Protein backbone atom coordinates (compact mmCIF):
# COMPACT_ATOMS: atom_id res chain seq x y z
CA MET A 1 -11.69 -15.33 4.85
CA LYS A 2 -9.05 -16.50 2.41
CA ARG A 3 -6.64 -13.62 1.95
CA PRO A 4 -2.92 -12.89 1.66
CA TYR A 5 -0.67 -12.85 4.71
CA VAL A 6 -0.08 -9.11 5.29
CA ILE A 7 3.23 -7.70 6.51
CA CYS A 8 3.19 -3.98 7.29
CA HIS A 9 6.71 -2.67 6.58
CA MET A 10 7.37 0.94 7.57
CA ALA A 11 10.01 3.38 8.73
CA SER A 12 9.28 6.12 11.24
CA THR A 13 10.99 8.63 13.47
CA VAL A 14 11.29 7.90 17.20
CA ASP A 15 8.04 9.85 17.66
CA GLY A 16 6.22 7.79 15.05
CA LYS A 17 6.12 10.30 12.19
CA ILE A 18 6.30 8.99 8.61
CA ILE A 19 6.24 12.02 6.29
CA VAL A 20 9.76 12.17 4.85
CA ASP A 21 9.25 15.67 3.40
CA ASN A 22 9.67 17.04 6.92
CA TRP A 23 13.12 15.48 7.30
CA GLY A 24 15.08 17.29 4.59
CA ASP A 25 17.96 15.22 3.25
CA SER A 26 18.22 13.20 6.45
CA TYR A 27 16.02 10.41 5.12
CA LYS A 28 18.04 9.67 1.99
CA ARG A 29 20.77 7.81 3.85
CA PHE A 30 18.25 5.31 5.24
CA GLY A 31 16.64 4.34 1.92
CA SER A 32 18.92 1.41 1.17
CA LEU A 33 18.43 -0.05 4.67
CA TYR A 34 14.67 0.13 4.23
CA GLU A 35 14.86 -1.70 0.90
CA GLN A 36 17.25 -4.34 2.26
CA CYS A 37 14.80 -5.14 5.05
CA HIS A 38 11.93 -5.16 2.57
CA ASP A 39 13.77 -7.62 0.32
CA SER A 40 14.41 -9.98 3.24
CA PHE A 41 10.73 -10.97 3.16
CA ASP A 42 9.40 -13.48 0.65
CA SER A 43 6.49 -11.46 -0.72
CA GLN A 44 4.63 -11.50 -4.03
CA ALA A 45 3.27 -7.97 -3.81
CA TRP A 46 3.55 -4.56 -2.18
CA MET A 47 0.81 -1.99 -1.64
CA VAL A 48 0.73 1.78 -1.13
CA GLY A 49 -1.84 4.55 -1.36
CA ARG A 50 -2.47 6.91 -4.23
CA VAL A 51 -0.51 9.81 -2.73
CA THR A 52 2.59 7.69 -2.13
CA MET A 53 2.34 6.08 -5.57
CA GLU A 54 1.94 9.45 -7.28
CA LYS A 55 4.79 11.07 -5.37
CA ASP A 56 7.36 8.28 -5.43
CA PHE A 57 6.59 6.30 -8.59
CA THR A 58 4.33 7.93 -11.21
CA GLU A 59 5.70 11.46 -10.59
CA GLY A 60 2.29 13.08 -10.85
CA LEU A 61 1.47 11.76 -14.33
CA GLN A 62 -2.18 12.48 -15.21
CA PRO A 63 -4.29 9.99 -17.18
CA THR A 64 -5.34 10.90 -20.72
CA LEU A 65 -9.00 9.95 -20.93
CA ILE A 66 -11.13 9.35 -24.00
CA GLN A 67 -14.87 8.80 -23.77
CA ALA A 68 -15.68 5.11 -23.51
CA PRO A 69 -18.10 3.97 -26.24
CA LYS A 70 -20.14 1.83 -23.85
CA PRO A 71 -20.47 1.07 -20.12
CA ILE A 72 -17.81 -1.21 -18.65
CA ASP A 73 -18.77 -3.92 -16.17
CA ARG A 74 -17.45 -3.50 -12.62
CA ILE A 75 -15.52 -6.77 -12.58
CA PRO A 76 -11.79 -7.47 -12.15
CA PHE A 77 -9.53 -6.93 -15.16
CA LYS A 78 -6.19 -8.70 -15.61
CA GLY A 79 -3.74 -6.75 -17.72
CA ASP A 80 -1.04 -9.44 -17.64
CA GLU A 81 -2.03 -13.07 -17.24
CA GLN A 82 1.61 -14.12 -16.73
CA ALA A 83 2.48 -11.68 -13.94
CA SER A 84 3.81 -13.22 -10.72
CA SER A 85 4.83 -10.12 -8.72
CA PHE A 86 2.69 -7.07 -8.17
CA ALA A 87 2.62 -3.37 -7.20
CA ILE A 88 -0.79 -2.48 -5.78
CA ALA A 89 -2.12 1.09 -5.77
CA VAL A 90 -5.07 2.06 -3.57
CA ASP A 91 -6.78 4.59 -5.88
CA PRO A 92 -10.51 4.67 -4.99
CA ARG A 93 -11.60 7.34 -7.49
CA GLY A 94 -9.20 6.53 -10.32
CA LYS A 95 -6.74 9.42 -10.49
CA LEU A 96 -3.35 7.85 -11.24
CA GLY A 97 -1.71 8.01 -14.65
CA TRP A 98 0.56 5.26 -15.98
CA GLU A 99 3.33 5.14 -18.58
CA SER A 100 3.67 1.38 -18.09
CA ASN A 101 1.77 -1.47 -16.49
CA GLU A 102 4.71 -2.38 -14.26
CA ILE A 103 7.07 -0.85 -11.70
CA GLU A 104 10.56 -2.36 -11.72
CA GLY A 105 9.12 -5.62 -13.01
CA ASP A 106 6.10 -5.72 -10.67
CA HIS A 107 2.77 -5.68 -12.50
CA VAL A 108 0.43 -2.87 -11.42
CA ILE A 109 -2.98 -3.56 -9.88
CA GLU A 110 -5.35 -0.70 -9.00
CA LEU A 111 -7.86 -0.99 -6.14
CA LEU A 112 -10.92 1.00 -7.20
CA THR A 113 -14.45 1.80 -6.05
CA GLU A 114 -17.49 1.48 -8.30
CA PRO A 115 -18.08 5.22 -8.99
CA VAL A 116 -14.83 5.41 -11.02
CA SER A 117 -15.59 6.46 -14.60
CA ASP A 118 -15.86 4.15 -17.60
CA ASP A 119 -13.37 6.45 -19.31
CA TYR A 120 -10.77 5.67 -16.64
CA LEU A 121 -11.43 1.93 -16.83
CA GLN A 122 -10.94 2.07 -20.59
CA TYR A 123 -7.67 3.95 -19.99
CA LEU A 124 -6.41 1.27 -17.58
CA GLN A 125 -7.31 -1.50 -20.03
CA GLN A 126 -5.46 0.28 -22.83
CA GLN A 127 -2.41 0.66 -20.56
CA GLY A 128 -2.59 -3.02 -19.57
CA VAL A 129 -3.01 -2.09 -15.89
CA SER A 130 -5.00 -4.60 -13.85
CA TYR A 131 -7.77 -3.51 -11.51
CA LEU A 132 -10.44 -4.76 -9.16
CA PHE A 133 -13.36 -3.22 -7.32
CA ALA A 134 -13.27 -3.24 -3.55
CA GLY A 135 -16.36 -1.29 -2.58
CA LYS A 136 -19.14 1.02 -3.71
CA ASP A 137 -18.03 4.31 -2.18
CA SER A 138 -14.97 3.41 -0.10
CA ILE A 139 -12.39 0.66 -0.11
CA ASP A 140 -13.33 -2.49 1.78
CA PHE A 141 -9.86 -3.89 2.40
CA GLY A 142 -11.14 -7.31 3.44
CA LYS A 143 -12.94 -7.63 0.11
CA ALA A 144 -9.87 -6.32 -1.70
CA LEU A 145 -7.55 -8.85 -0.08
CA GLU A 146 -9.90 -11.73 -0.87
CA GLN A 147 -9.86 -10.76 -4.55
CA LEU A 148 -6.11 -10.27 -4.62
CA GLN A 149 -5.73 -13.90 -3.58
CA GLU A 150 -8.60 -15.32 -5.64
CA VAL A 151 -7.98 -13.42 -8.90
CA PHE A 152 -4.23 -12.85 -8.82
CA GLY A 153 -3.03 -15.68 -6.58
CA ILE A 154 -1.29 -13.35 -4.11
CA LYS A 155 -0.52 -15.15 -0.84
CA THR A 156 1.88 -12.69 0.84
CA LEU A 157 1.66 -8.90 0.63
CA MET A 158 3.83 -6.07 1.95
CA LEU A 159 1.76 -3.11 3.16
CA GLU A 160 3.79 0.12 3.03
CA GLY A 161 1.46 2.96 3.94
CA GLY A 162 0.47 5.74 4.28
CA GLY A 163 -0.85 5.96 7.75
CA HIS A 164 -4.57 5.90 6.93
CA ILE A 165 -4.29 2.78 4.77
CA ASN A 166 -2.20 1.08 7.47
CA GLY A 167 -4.72 2.19 10.09
CA SER A 168 -7.68 0.89 8.11
CA LEU A 169 -6.19 -2.58 7.75
CA LEU A 170 -5.06 -2.61 11.39
CA ASN A 171 -8.53 -1.54 12.55
CA ASP A 172 -10.08 -4.40 10.57
CA GLY A 173 -7.65 -7.00 11.94
CA LEU A 174 -6.03 -7.56 8.55
CA ILE A 175 -2.35 -7.14 9.48
CA ASP A 176 -0.47 -10.27 10.47
CA GLU A 177 3.04 -8.93 11.00
CA LEU A 178 4.72 -5.57 11.58
CA SER A 179 8.24 -4.72 10.42
CA LEU A 180 9.19 -1.28 11.74
CA LEU A 181 12.44 0.61 11.27
CA ILE A 182 12.92 3.25 13.97
CA LEU A 183 15.11 5.96 12.47
CA PRO A 184 17.35 8.10 14.69
CA LEU A 185 15.29 11.21 13.96
CA ALA A 186 12.92 13.21 16.16
CA ASP A 187 10.32 15.10 14.14
CA GLY A 188 7.82 16.88 16.36
CA THR A 189 5.76 18.25 13.45
CA PRO A 190 2.23 18.92 14.79
CA ASP A 191 -0.52 16.73 13.31
CA ALA A 192 1.90 14.90 10.98
CA PRO A 193 0.70 11.38 10.11
CA THR A 194 2.02 8.43 12.09
CA THR A 195 2.46 4.77 11.18
CA PHE A 196 -1.19 3.97 11.92
CA GLU A 197 -4.04 6.47 11.53
CA VAL A 198 -7.68 5.41 11.84
CA SER A 199 -9.93 7.85 9.99
CA LYS A 200 -12.55 9.67 12.04
CA HIS A 201 -15.09 8.38 9.50
CA LEU A 202 -14.47 4.78 10.63
CA THR A 203 -15.71 3.03 13.74
CA LYS A 204 -12.61 2.67 15.88
CA ASN A 205 -12.10 -0.86 17.13
CA GLY A 206 -9.94 -1.78 20.10
CA VAL A 207 -6.15 -1.70 20.20
CA THR A 208 -4.18 -4.40 18.45
CA GLU A 209 -1.90 -6.41 20.71
CA LEU A 210 1.51 -7.33 19.29
CA LYS A 211 4.08 -10.00 20.09
CA LEU A 212 7.73 -8.99 19.72
CA THR A 213 9.58 -11.48 17.51
CA GLY A 214 12.80 -9.64 16.73
CA VAL A 215 14.99 -6.66 17.63
CA GLU A 216 18.05 -5.77 15.61
CA GLN A 217 20.33 -2.74 15.61
CA LEU A 218 21.25 -1.87 12.04
CA ALA A 219 23.79 0.52 10.57
CA GLN A 220 23.44 4.27 11.14
CA ASP A 221 21.73 3.78 14.52
CA VAL A 222 18.54 2.34 13.01
CA LEU A 223 16.53 -0.07 15.15
CA TRP A 224 14.54 -2.83 13.40
CA LEU A 225 11.57 -4.14 15.36
CA LYS A 226 9.49 -7.10 14.23
CA TYR A 227 6.13 -8.15 15.67
CA THR A 228 3.28 -10.48 14.94
CA THR A 229 -0.28 -9.53 15.82
CA LYS A 230 -2.02 -11.48 18.55
CA ARG A 231 -5.33 -13.12 17.63
C-alpha cells in the first residue's frame, strides 16, 4: 500500500484522557507547547474528526444546502489544484459547514462515505472544498490514505484525534510514529475518551508494540514522548 507516513500527535493527562472540556482553564497554558511540537515535524497535512473540527475550527457552522439538479459521481473532487498543505476532516455523513476552503492556509479535504447527499457534494464544490470517498457506509482509512497520496500527493500526515479515529488507524496498523505530550494533569473522569479508542463495532486486533525514540521534559512540567511503531 502506497500511503502517507502517519504521525499521531496528541496531548493527554497522566491517566490518558484527552477531552479538554473536563480540564477547565488548565489546558490553555499548554496550547503553545502543543503547537510548537506539532510544527517541529515536516508534514504536509493534519487530520481530525468531525467533532474536533466543528468545535475548534468551524465553530458549529451548518451547511446551506440547495437541491442538486442531477446526481454527482462518487469520485474525488479537487477544490484547489495548487494547494500544497492540507487540513483533513473525517466527516463520513457530510455535516460540516465551511466559510472558506482553507484553515490558516491549509486547504480543506473532507473524507466522506458514499451515502452523503448530492446536495452536500454540490455545496462542497461551490465552497471549493476538496473531498474523496473512503467507503460505502464507514470510513476505510487504508483506502483514504491511499487516495490522499495518489490524488493530493500527501506523503506525511499528522493525525490529531479524537480517540476513535486514532484507535481505528492504530488497529489497522496505519500509524508509523507517535508523538505524545503528557500534561501534568490527572483527570479521572469516568468513561472519558483516551488517546486510542477502538470502537466496539470493529474487530479488535492485537496490541501495537512501540519503540521509544525520544523523551524530553518541556516547560510547565510537560513530558514529550516519541515512539515509532514496530512492524
